[in-house]
Amino acid sequence: MAAEIDLSKMMGVVSGMVQDFPHPLGIADSSPFKKAASFTASFAAERPLLTPLPEPIYGKLHNHQNAIIAFELSIDALEGAQLHQHDGKVIVLEKRIKTSKLFWSETVAAISECIPVHHFQCLALLYESLAYQENPHPSARN
């Protein structure tokens, strides 16, 4: 089955991330966590994917396709992401973020109600916390 995508909403995601990036540093100088959060919030709010996911696989969350895809793509993007420290050191997030099934489903439900300007920072902190649980590099926490 092919997914139906609203291209104008997809363009809204892209332009929102670039033109309306919700942090003073802008997209170029922000952390991977802020970039992932901006994408997640924009994608979930714009809802460009119109086709629900298969109910036998996703259960009651099958119609939260935009939040699911945004969360999973952001987790994918953070695996191997680089954190550039002020002292010039680079820390690589080598390990993939992992969550329990309950945490995953509750996060997807929360992301589904996301308003980018209100939830961007919380999502950035969530991604940062999850990444550091799997990648406990002491200098990354400074």
Protein backbone atom coordinates (compact mmCIF):
# COMPACT_ATOMS: atom_id res chain seq x y z
CA MET A 1 0.00 0.00 0.00
CA ALA A 2 1.37 3.41 -0.94
CA ALA A 3 1.36 6.22 1.58
CA GLU A 4 -0.45 9.42 0.75
CA ILE A 5 1.65 12.52 1.47
CA ASP A 6 0.54 16.16 1.46
CA LEU A 7 3.50 17.82 -0.29
CA SER A 8 2.52 21.34 0.78
CA LYS A 9 2.61 20.23 4.41
CA MET A 10 5.96 18.50 3.81
CA MET A 11 7.29 21.79 2.46
CA GLY A 12 5.92 23.44 5.60
CA VAL A 13 8.06 21.08 7.69
CA VAL A 14 11.18 21.97 5.74
CA SER A 15 10.59 25.71 5.66
CA GLY A 16 9.59 25.73 9.33
CA MET A 17 12.83 24.06 10.30
CA VAL A 18 14.96 26.47 8.29
CA GLN A 19 13.13 29.80 8.43
CA ASP A 20 11.41 29.48 11.81
CA PHE A 21 14.00 27.47 13.75
CA PRO A 22 12.93 28.02 17.36
CA HIS A 23 16.35 28.72 18.88
CA PRO A 24 18.46 31.90 18.76
CA LEU A 25 21.56 30.06 17.48
CA GLY A 26 19.69 29.01 14.35
CA ILE A 27 19.83 25.60 12.76
CA ALA A 28 23.48 25.72 11.67
CA ASP A 29 24.91 26.27 15.16
CA SER A 30 22.43 24.25 17.23
CA SER A 31 23.00 20.83 18.76
CA PRO A 32 21.77 17.66 17.08
CA PHE A 33 19.20 17.43 19.88
CA LYS A 34 17.67 20.79 18.96
CA LYS A 35 17.69 19.89 15.27
CA ALA A 36 15.95 16.57 15.98
CA ALA A 37 13.44 18.31 18.26
CA SER A 38 12.66 20.93 15.63
CA PHE A 39 12.10 18.25 13.00
CA THR A 40 9.94 16.15 15.33
CA ALA A 41 7.80 19.08 16.44
CA SER A 42 7.36 20.44 12.90
CA PHE A 43 6.61 17.06 11.33
CA ALA A 44 4.12 16.09 14.03
CA ALA A 45 2.36 19.46 13.90
CA GLU A 46 2.17 19.68 10.09
CA ARG A 47 0.98 16.06 9.71
CA PRO A 48 2.17 15.55 6.11
CA LEU A 49 1.56 11.78 6.14
CA LEU A 50 -2.12 11.17 5.50
CA THR A 51 -2.13 7.36 5.47
CA PRO A 52 -2.37 5.63 8.85
CA LEU A 53 0.08 2.85 9.68
CA PRO A 54 -1.11 -0.78 9.82
CA GLU A 55 -3.37 -1.24 12.85
CA PRO A 56 -2.31 -4.88 13.46
CA ILE A 57 1.26 -3.65 14.02
CA TYR A 58 0.72 -0.26 15.71
CA GLY A 59 -2.56 -0.88 17.51
CA LYS A 60 -4.30 2.21 18.87
CA LEU A 61 -1.40 4.38 17.71
CA HIS A 62 -1.81 3.45 14.02
CA ASN A 63 -3.28 6.89 13.27
CA HIS A 64 -0.35 8.69 14.94
CA GLN A 65 1.78 8.03 11.87
CA ASN A 66 3.37 11.47 11.81
CA ALA A 67 4.54 11.31 15.42
CA ILE A 68 5.83 7.76 14.96
CA ILE A 69 7.78 8.59 11.81
CA ALA A 70 9.15 11.84 13.29
CA PHE A 71 10.27 10.13 16.52
CA GLU A 72 11.88 7.19 14.71
CA LEU A 73 13.65 9.36 12.11
CA SER A 74 14.99 11.58 14.89
CA ILE A 75 16.30 8.58 16.80
CA ASP A 76 17.93 7.38 13.57
CA ALA A 77 19.51 10.80 13.01
CA LEU A 78 20.92 10.99 16.54
CA GLU A 79 22.74 7.68 16.24
CA GLY A 80 26.24 8.68 15.19
CA ALA A 81 25.54 12.40 15.62
CA GLN A 82 28.44 14.63 16.61
CA LEU A 83 28.47 17.03 19.54
CA HIS A 84 30.97 19.85 19.05
CA GLN A 85 32.28 21.06 22.41
CA HIS A 86 33.43 24.62 23.10
CA ASP A 87 36.99 23.33 23.62
CA GLY A 88 37.03 21.86 20.11
CA LYS A 89 36.46 18.25 21.14
CA VAL A 90 33.94 16.22 19.20
CA ILE A 91 31.83 13.58 20.91
CA VAL A 92 30.08 10.99 18.75
CA LEU A 93 26.83 9.46 19.96
CA GLU A 94 27.80 5.93 19.01
CA LYS A 95 24.93 4.05 20.62
CA ARG A 96 21.33 4.18 19.45
CA ILE A 97 18.65 5.57 21.77
CA LYS A 98 16.56 2.78 23.29
CA THR A 99 13.22 3.03 25.05
CA SER A 100 10.77 0.63 26.61
CA LYS A 101 7.57 -0.10 24.72
CA LEU A 102 5.56 1.90 27.27
CA PHE A 103 7.90 4.90 27.09
CA TRP A 104 7.82 4.74 23.28
CA SER A 105 4.00 4.65 23.10
CA GLU A 106 3.55 7.43 25.66
CA THR A 107 6.11 9.59 23.86
CA VAL A 108 4.42 9.03 20.51
CA ALA A 109 1.06 10.00 22.03
CA ALA A 110 2.60 13.17 23.50
CA ILE A 111 4.37 14.10 20.26
CA SER A 112 1.05 13.73 18.41
CA GLU A 113 -0.26 16.74 20.33
CA CYS A 114 2.91 18.77 19.83
CA ILE A 115 2.86 22.51 19.18
CA PRO A 116 6.38 23.39 17.98
CA VAL A 117 6.79 26.73 19.75
CA HIS A 118 5.63 25.23 23.06
CA HIS A 119 7.26 21.79 22.94
CA PHE A 120 10.53 22.24 21.04
CA GLN A 121 12.70 22.72 24.12
CA CYS A 122 11.13 19.79 26.00
CA LEU A 123 11.74 17.52 23.02
CA ALA A 124 15.36 18.68 22.77
CA LEU A 125 15.89 17.90 26.46
CA LEU A 126 14.18 14.52 26.04
CA TYR A 127 16.46 13.57 23.14
CA GLU A 128 19.53 14.77 25.03
CA SER A 129 18.60 12.78 28.13
CA LEU A 130 17.85 9.62 26.15
CA ALA A 131 21.09 9.91 24.18
CA TYR A 132 23.18 10.35 27.34
CA GLN A 133 21.57 7.30 28.94
CA GLU A 134 23.02 5.21 26.13
CA ASN A 135 26.18 7.28 25.61
CA PRO A 136 27.46 8.20 29.08
CA HIS A 137 30.43 10.34 28.04
CA PRO A 138 31.30 12.62 30.98
CA SER A 139 32.42 15.63 28.93
CA ALA A 140 29.18 15.56 26.93
CA ARG A 141 27.30 16.57 30.05
CA ASN A 142 29.15 19.83 30.61
